[in-house]
Amino acid sequence: MVEKTPIWRKELLTLEEASSHTGIGINKLRDLSNSEGCDFVLWNGSKRLLKRKRLEAFLDRQYSL
């Protein structure tokens, strides 16, 4: 049986995992990570992965989204 790694231990998250972790909708995360200056997105070909620690730091600095 394969054990799942908890989200809080992962470095990179899919949109679905990031949405579950932050409570922010997938479409909003997609919009945020599409912006030119986004430093918490990593593209693996066409697959979008979000850098968990940088995403958390980004959210800590925000007043509203």
N, C-alpha and C. Protein backbone atom coordinates (compact mmCIF):
# COMPACT_ATOMS: atom_id res chain seq x y z
N MET A 1 0.83 -1.18 0.00
CA MET A 1 0.00 0.00 0.00
C MET A 1 0.89 1.25 0.00
N VAL A 2 0.56 2.19 -0.85
CA VAL A 2 1.31 3.44 -0.96
C VAL A 2 0.73 4.46 0.00
N GLU A 3 1.59 5.03 0.82
CA GLU A 3 1.14 6.06 1.76
C GLU A 3 1.17 7.41 1.07
N LYS A 4 0.13 8.21 1.31
CA LYS A 4 0.08 9.55 0.75
C LYS A 4 0.86 10.50 1.63
N THR A 5 1.61 11.38 0.99
CA THR A 5 2.34 12.41 1.72
C THR A 5 1.36 13.51 2.09
N PRO A 6 1.35 13.95 3.36
CA PRO A 6 0.45 15.03 3.75
C PRO A 6 0.80 16.32 2.98
N ILE A 7 -0.21 17.11 2.69
CA ILE A 7 -0.01 18.34 1.92
C ILE A 7 1.01 19.26 2.59
N TRP A 8 0.98 19.35 3.90
CA TRP A 8 1.90 20.27 4.59
C TRP A 8 3.36 19.84 4.48
N ARG A 9 3.61 18.63 4.00
CA ARG A 9 5.00 18.17 3.81
C ARG A 9 5.45 18.26 2.35
N LYS A 10 4.52 18.53 1.44
CA LYS A 10 4.85 18.61 0.02
C LYS A 10 5.43 19.99 -0.30
N GLU A 11 6.38 20.01 -1.20
CA GLU A 11 6.95 21.28 -1.67
C GLU A 11 6.11 21.87 -2.79
N LEU A 12 5.58 21.01 -3.66
CA LEU A 12 4.80 21.44 -4.82
C LEU A 12 3.39 20.88 -4.73
N LEU A 13 2.41 21.72 -5.05
CA LEU A 13 1.01 21.32 -4.98
C LEU A 13 0.32 21.50 -6.32
N THR A 14 -0.60 20.60 -6.62
CA THR A 14 -1.47 20.81 -7.78
C THR A 14 -2.49 21.89 -7.41
N LEU A 15 -3.22 22.37 -8.39
CA LEU A 15 -4.27 23.36 -8.11
C LEU A 15 -5.28 22.80 -7.11
N GLU A 16 -5.64 21.54 -7.27
CA GLU A 16 -6.62 20.92 -6.39
C GLU A 16 -6.10 20.83 -4.96
N GLU A 17 -4.84 20.43 -4.80
CA GLU A 17 -4.24 20.35 -3.46
C GLU A 17 -4.12 21.73 -2.84
N ALA A 18 -3.69 22.71 -3.61
CA ALA A 18 -3.54 24.08 -3.10
C ALA A 18 -4.89 24.65 -2.69
N SER A 19 -5.92 24.35 -3.46
CA SER A 19 -7.26 24.82 -3.13
C SER A 19 -7.73 24.21 -1.82
N SER A 20 -7.51 22.93 -1.65
CA SER A 20 -7.89 22.24 -0.42
C SER A 20 -7.10 22.78 0.78
N HIS A 21 -5.83 23.07 0.57
CA HIS A 21 -4.93 23.54 1.63
C HIS A 21 -5.26 24.96 2.06
N THR A 22 -5.61 25.83 1.11
CA THR A 22 -5.81 27.25 1.41
C THR A 22 -7.26 27.67 1.55
N GLY A 23 -8.17 26.90 0.97
CA GLY A 23 -9.58 27.31 0.97
C GLY A 23 -9.90 28.28 -0.14
N ILE A 24 -8.97 28.51 -1.04
CA ILE A 24 -9.16 29.41 -2.19
C ILE A 24 -9.57 28.56 -3.38
N GLY A 25 -10.51 29.03 -4.16
CA GLY A 25 -11.00 28.27 -5.30
C GLY A 25 -9.94 28.03 -6.36
N ILE A 26 -10.14 26.95 -7.10
CA ILE A 26 -9.20 26.57 -8.16
C ILE A 26 -9.10 27.66 -9.22
N ASN A 27 -10.22 28.25 -9.61
CA ASN A 27 -10.19 29.29 -10.65
C ASN A 27 -9.42 30.52 -10.18
N LYS A 28 -9.56 30.89 -8.91
CA LYS A 28 -8.83 32.04 -8.37
C LYS A 28 -7.33 31.74 -8.32
N LEU A 29 -6.97 30.53 -7.90
CA LEU A 29 -5.55 30.14 -7.89
C LEU A 29 -4.99 30.12 -9.31
N ARG A 30 -5.78 29.68 -10.26
CA ARG A 30 -5.35 29.67 -11.66
C ARG A 30 -5.10 31.11 -12.13
N ASP A 31 -6.03 32.03 -11.82
CA ASP A 31 -5.87 33.44 -12.20
C ASP A 31 -4.61 34.03 -11.57
N LEU A 32 -4.41 33.79 -10.27
CA LEU A 32 -3.25 34.33 -9.58
C LEU A 32 -1.95 33.80 -10.17
N SER A 33 -1.91 32.51 -10.49
CA SER A 33 -0.68 31.92 -10.99
C SER A 33 -0.45 32.19 -12.47
N ASN A 34 -1.44 32.72 -13.17
CA ASN A 34 -1.26 33.12 -14.56
C ASN A 34 -0.57 34.48 -14.69
N SER A 35 -0.57 35.27 -13.62
CA SER A 35 -0.01 36.62 -13.71
C SER A 35 1.50 36.56 -13.97
N GLU A 36 1.99 37.52 -14.69
CA GLU A 36 3.39 37.56 -15.15
C GLU A 36 4.40 37.50 -14.00
N GLY A 37 4.14 38.20 -12.90
CA GLY A 37 5.12 38.27 -11.81
C GLY A 37 4.95 37.21 -10.75
N CYS A 38 4.15 36.20 -11.00
CA CYS A 38 3.88 35.17 -9.99
C CYS A 38 5.15 34.37 -9.70
N ASP A 39 5.56 34.35 -8.42
CA ASP A 39 6.78 33.64 -8.06
C ASP A 39 6.50 32.30 -7.38
N PHE A 40 5.23 31.91 -7.28
CA PHE A 40 4.92 30.64 -6.63
C PHE A 40 4.42 29.57 -7.60
N VAL A 41 4.57 29.81 -8.90
CA VAL A 41 4.16 28.81 -9.88
C VAL A 41 5.39 28.19 -10.54
N LEU A 42 5.31 26.89 -10.78
CA LEU A 42 6.34 26.15 -11.50
C LEU A 42 5.65 25.38 -12.60
N TRP A 43 6.10 25.60 -13.83
CA TRP A 43 5.52 24.90 -14.98
C TRP A 43 6.37 23.69 -15.30
N ASN A 44 5.76 22.52 -15.35
CA ASN A 44 6.41 21.28 -15.77
C ASN A 44 5.72 20.90 -17.08
N GLY A 45 6.26 21.40 -18.18
CA GLY A 45 5.56 21.28 -19.46
C GLY A 45 4.31 22.13 -19.39
N SER A 46 3.16 21.52 -19.54
CA SER A 46 1.91 22.27 -19.43
C SER A 46 1.26 22.08 -18.06
N LYS A 47 1.91 21.32 -17.18
CA LYS A 47 1.37 21.08 -15.84
C LYS A 47 1.80 22.21 -14.90
N ARG A 48 0.82 22.77 -14.20
CA ARG A 48 1.05 23.87 -13.27
C ARG A 48 1.17 23.30 -11.86
N LEU A 49 2.28 23.62 -11.20
CA LEU A 49 2.48 23.24 -9.81
C LEU A 49 2.73 24.51 -9.00
N LEU A 50 2.20 24.55 -7.80
CA LEU A 50 2.36 25.72 -6.96
C LEU A 50 3.33 25.41 -5.82
N LYS A 51 4.28 26.31 -5.64
CA LYS A 51 5.29 26.16 -4.58
C LYS A 51 4.61 26.52 -3.26
N ARG A 52 4.40 25.52 -2.41
CA ARG A 52 3.59 25.69 -1.21
C ARG A 52 4.09 26.80 -0.30
N LYS A 53 5.36 26.82 0.02
CA LYS A 53 5.89 27.83 0.95
C LYS A 53 5.76 29.24 0.38
N ARG A 54 6.04 29.40 -0.90
CA ARG A 54 5.93 30.73 -1.52
C ARG A 54 4.47 31.15 -1.63
N LEU A 55 3.58 30.21 -1.90
CA LEU A 55 2.15 30.52 -1.94
C LEU A 55 1.68 30.96 -0.56
N GLU A 56 2.09 30.25 0.48
CA GLU A 56 1.72 30.64 1.85
C GLU A 56 2.26 32.03 2.19
N ALA A 57 3.50 32.32 1.81
CA ALA A 57 4.09 33.63 2.07
C ALA A 57 3.33 34.71 1.31
N PHE A 58 2.97 34.44 0.06
CA PHE A 58 2.18 35.38 -0.74
C PHE A 58 0.86 35.68 -0.04
N LEU A 59 0.19 34.66 0.41
CA LEU A 59 -1.11 34.84 1.07
C LEU A 59 -0.98 35.59 2.39
N ASP A 60 0.12 35.39 3.10
CA ASP A 60 0.36 36.12 4.36
C ASP A 60 0.46 37.62 4.14
N ARG A 61 0.92 38.03 2.96
CA ARG A 61 1.10 39.45 2.67
C ARG A 61 -0.16 40.12 2.12
N GLN A 62 -1.20 39.35 1.81
CA GLN A 62 -2.38 39.89 1.16
C GLN A 62 -3.44 40.34 2.16
N TYR A 63 -4.14 41.39 1.80
CA TYR A 63 -5.29 41.87 2.58
C TYR A 63 -6.57 41.29 2.00
N SER A 64 -6.62 41.22 0.66
CA SER A 64 -7.77 40.64 -0.02
C SER A 64 -7.32 40.10 -1.37
N LEU A 65 -8.13 39.22 -1.95
CA LEU A 65 -7.79 38.63 -3.23
C LEU A 65 -8.85 39.00 -4.26
